[in-house]
Amino acid sequence: MKNQLFEEAKRSDTLSKELISNLLESMEYSSISFINWSIDVLKILKTRIDRGDKITDAVSKIVYDKKSFQAFVKKNFSSYIFSQVYADPKKAEKVYFHLEACEGGYDLIMASSSKEKTFSWISSLSERFSLVEMIATGIVYLKDNQTNTYTPFISAKGKYCNYDKASGNILEV
């Protein structure tokens, strides 16, 4: 379905109610896949309008020009999406994501702020190294405080580990 709508954005001179609805609906979800799809579609439409294509909105009946399309994106989408479509790439807004468990793995979900924690501290091993737990997965990582890098904590048997808060033990997965 999304591929059909993507093709419509690339070729059609009319933005269907379905395409507009899907674009606007993507604002209700904070999943990176929905956000990236919207950005891709809006960039295609912007490029087409910039080169002079006349694209009509089936809902509002507006024939978009550069100014009216920019106003549409600014009014209906987040500042992050707007910055990805319109800002100089060097000045584009940065957004953060966190992991959320879903069937078959993890989904990247837009964080409500840059302050959301990804890791929780377990223990300091030395001035340089700490043990931390990735909140979404429960996997223990070794954090190098000097380089601010994370490496999964692997047991002697080559297995990933979880932290059991109740017992205070690190357990193999």
Protein backbone atom coordinates (compact mmCIF):
# COMPACT_ATOMS: atom_id res chain seq x y z
CA MET A 1 0.00 0.00 0.00
CA LYS A 2 2.73 2.45 0.99
CA ASN A 3 4.56 1.64 -2.25
CA GLN A 4 1.46 2.53 -4.28
CA LEU A 5 1.17 5.85 -2.47
CA PHE A 6 4.90 6.48 -2.93
CA GLU A 7 4.50 5.90 -6.67
CA GLU A 8 1.52 8.27 -6.68
CA ALA A 9 3.66 10.98 -5.09
CA LYS A 10 6.29 10.47 -7.80
CA ARG A 11 3.95 10.58 -10.79
CA SER A 12 0.47 11.92 -10.15
CA ASP A 13 -0.60 15.53 -10.62
CA THR A 14 -3.23 15.07 -7.90
CA LEU A 15 -2.55 14.14 -4.31
CA SER A 16 -5.33 11.73 -3.44
CA LYS A 17 -7.25 11.88 -0.19
CA GLU A 18 -5.66 8.54 0.67
CA LEU A 19 -2.10 9.86 0.23
CA ILE A 20 -2.80 13.00 2.24
CA SER A 21 -4.53 10.94 4.92
CA ASN A 22 -1.55 8.57 5.18
CA LEU A 23 0.89 11.48 5.39
CA LEU A 24 -1.11 13.17 8.13
CA GLU A 25 -1.71 9.86 9.92
CA SER A 26 2.03 9.36 10.15
CA MET A 27 2.08 12.22 12.66
CA GLU A 28 0.13 10.02 15.08
CA TYR A 29 2.93 7.45 15.10
CA SER A 30 6.43 8.09 16.28
CA SER A 31 8.00 5.08 14.57
CA ILE A 32 11.04 5.87 12.47
CA SER A 33 9.62 3.93 9.51
CA PHE A 34 6.49 6.13 9.40
CA ILE A 35 8.50 9.30 9.87
CA ASN A 36 11.04 8.39 7.18
CA TRP A 37 8.28 7.43 4.74
CA SER A 38 6.62 10.82 5.24
CA ILE A 39 9.90 12.65 4.81
CA ASP A 40 10.67 10.74 1.59
CA VAL A 41 7.22 11.46 0.12
CA LEU A 42 7.32 15.14 1.10
CA LYS A 43 10.82 15.53 -0.38
CA ILE A 44 9.63 14.02 -3.66
CA LEU A 45 6.65 16.37 -3.75
CA LYS A 46 8.87 19.35 -2.90
CA THR A 47 11.31 18.43 -5.69
CA ARG A 48 8.48 18.11 -8.20
CA ILE A 49 6.96 21.43 -7.16
CA ASP A 50 10.39 23.13 -7.23
CA ARG A 51 10.88 22.01 -10.83
CA GLY A 52 7.49 23.44 -11.80
CA ASP A 53 5.06 20.50 -11.62
CA LYS A 54 1.49 21.54 -10.85
CA ILE A 55 0.25 19.28 -8.06
CA THR A 56 -3.32 19.59 -6.81
CA ASP A 57 -4.44 18.65 -3.32
CA ALA A 58 -7.61 16.53 -3.72
CA VAL A 59 -8.83 17.56 -0.26
CA SER A 60 -8.32 21.34 -0.26
CA LYS A 61 -8.26 21.76 -4.07
CA ILE A 62 -5.11 23.90 -3.72
CA VAL A 63 -2.64 23.77 -6.59
CA TYR A 64 0.64 23.87 -4.73
CA ASP A 65 3.44 26.24 -5.51
CA LYS A 66 6.69 26.47 -3.54
CA LYS A 67 5.26 28.83 -0.92
CA SER A 68 1.92 27.09 -0.37
CA PHE A 69 3.50 23.63 -0.17
CA GLN A 70 6.04 24.85 2.37
CA ALA A 71 3.17 26.33 4.42
CA PHE A 72 1.30 22.98 4.18
CA VAL A 73 4.31 21.05 5.50
CA LYS A 74 5.01 23.59 8.26
CA LYS A 75 1.38 23.59 9.42
CA ASN A 76 0.72 19.85 9.35
CA PHE A 77 4.00 18.17 10.29
CA SER A 78 6.46 18.24 13.17
CA SER A 79 9.37 20.64 13.19
CA TYR A 80 11.67 17.64 12.74
CA ILE A 81 9.93 16.55 9.51
CA PHE A 82 9.82 20.14 8.27
CA SER A 83 13.55 20.55 8.92
CA GLN A 84 14.34 17.33 7.06
CA VAL A 85 12.34 18.45 4.03
CA TYR A 86 13.34 22.14 3.95
CA ALA A 87 16.43 22.89 6.02
CA ASP A 88 19.99 22.89 4.81
CA PRO A 89 21.20 19.39 5.77
CA LYS A 90 23.82 20.93 8.07
CA LYS A 91 21.07 22.79 9.96
CA ALA A 92 18.43 20.06 9.97
CA GLU A 93 16.92 19.40 13.38
CA LYS A 94 18.25 16.39 15.22
CA VAL A 95 15.85 13.95 16.80
CA TYR A 96 16.45 11.03 19.10
CA PHE A 97 14.87 7.60 19.15
CA HIS A 98 14.50 4.86 21.71
CA LEU A 99 13.93 1.15 21.27
CA GLU A 100 10.59 -0.47 21.94
CA ALA A 101 10.01 -4.21 21.82
CA CYS A 102 7.77 -5.39 18.99
CA GLU A 103 7.05 -8.71 17.36
CA GLY A 104 10.27 -10.07 15.94
CA GLY A 105 12.59 -7.40 17.34
CA TYR A 106 12.63 -3.75 18.27
CA ASP A 107 11.14 -0.65 16.70
CA LEU A 108 12.80 2.75 16.80
CA ILE A 109 10.34 5.22 18.36
CA MET A 110 10.89 8.96 18.37
CA ALA A 111 11.81 10.11 21.86
CA SER A 112 9.79 12.93 23.37
CA SER A 113 13.04 14.66 24.33
CA SER A 114 16.78 14.30 23.93
CA LYS A 115 16.95 13.65 27.68
CA GLU A 116 15.32 10.20 27.53
CA LYS A 117 17.70 7.60 28.88
CA THR A 118 18.83 4.66 26.77
CA PHE A 119 21.02 3.06 29.43
CA SER A 120 20.72 2.75 33.18
CA TRP A 121 23.82 2.60 35.34
CA ILE A 122 24.56 -0.66 37.18
CA SER A 123 28.01 -0.23 38.65
CA SER A 124 31.37 1.46 38.19
CA LEU A 125 34.17 -1.04 37.70
CA SER A 126 36.89 1.60 37.69
CA GLU A 127 37.31 5.27 36.81
CA ARG A 128 37.32 4.28 33.17
CA PHE A 129 34.70 1.51 32.95
CA SER A 130 31.09 1.11 34.10
CA LEU A 131 28.48 -1.57 33.66
CA VAL A 132 25.21 -0.28 32.24
CA GLU A 133 21.99 -1.92 31.11
CA MET A 134 20.23 -1.00 27.88
CA ILE A 135 16.76 -0.20 29.15
CA ALA A 136 14.84 -1.57 26.16
CA THR A 137 16.64 -4.90 25.88
CA GLY A 138 17.94 -5.55 29.38
CA ILE A 139 21.35 -6.43 27.89
CA VAL A 140 24.38 -5.42 29.96
CA TYR A 141 27.06 -3.26 28.31
CA LEU A 142 30.52 -2.19 29.34
CA LYS A 143 30.79 1.59 29.01
CA ASP A 144 34.19 3.14 28.40
CA ASN A 145 33.81 6.50 30.17
CA GLN A 146 36.85 8.00 28.42
CA THR A 147 35.66 7.34 24.88
CA ASN A 148 31.93 7.20 25.68
CA THR A 149 31.61 3.90 23.81
CA TYR A 150 29.55 0.83 24.68
CA THR A 151 30.42 -2.83 24.15
CA PRO A 152 28.12 -5.72 25.02
CA PHE A 153 29.24 -7.54 28.17
CA ILE A 154 29.88 -11.10 27.01
CA SER A 155 30.22 -13.99 29.47
CA ALA A 156 33.10 -16.46 29.46
CA LYS A 157 30.79 -18.79 27.51
CA GLY A 158 30.33 -16.15 24.80
CA LYS A 159 26.75 -15.24 25.78
CA TYR A 160 25.07 -11.89 26.27
CA CYS A 161 24.03 -11.06 29.81
CA ASN A 162 21.09 -9.43 31.63
CA TYR A 163 21.15 -7.73 35.00
CA ASP A 164 18.85 -9.14 37.67
CA LYS A 165 18.07 -6.15 39.89
CA ALA A 166 16.51 -8.26 42.64
CA SER A 167 19.57 -10.44 43.20
CA GLY A 168 22.18 -7.98 41.93
CA ASN A 169 23.60 -10.67 39.64
CA ILE A 170 24.57 -10.55 35.99
CA LEU A 171 23.00 -13.57 34.29
CA GLU A 172 23.66 -15.14 30.90
CA VAL A 173 20.86 -14.88 28.41
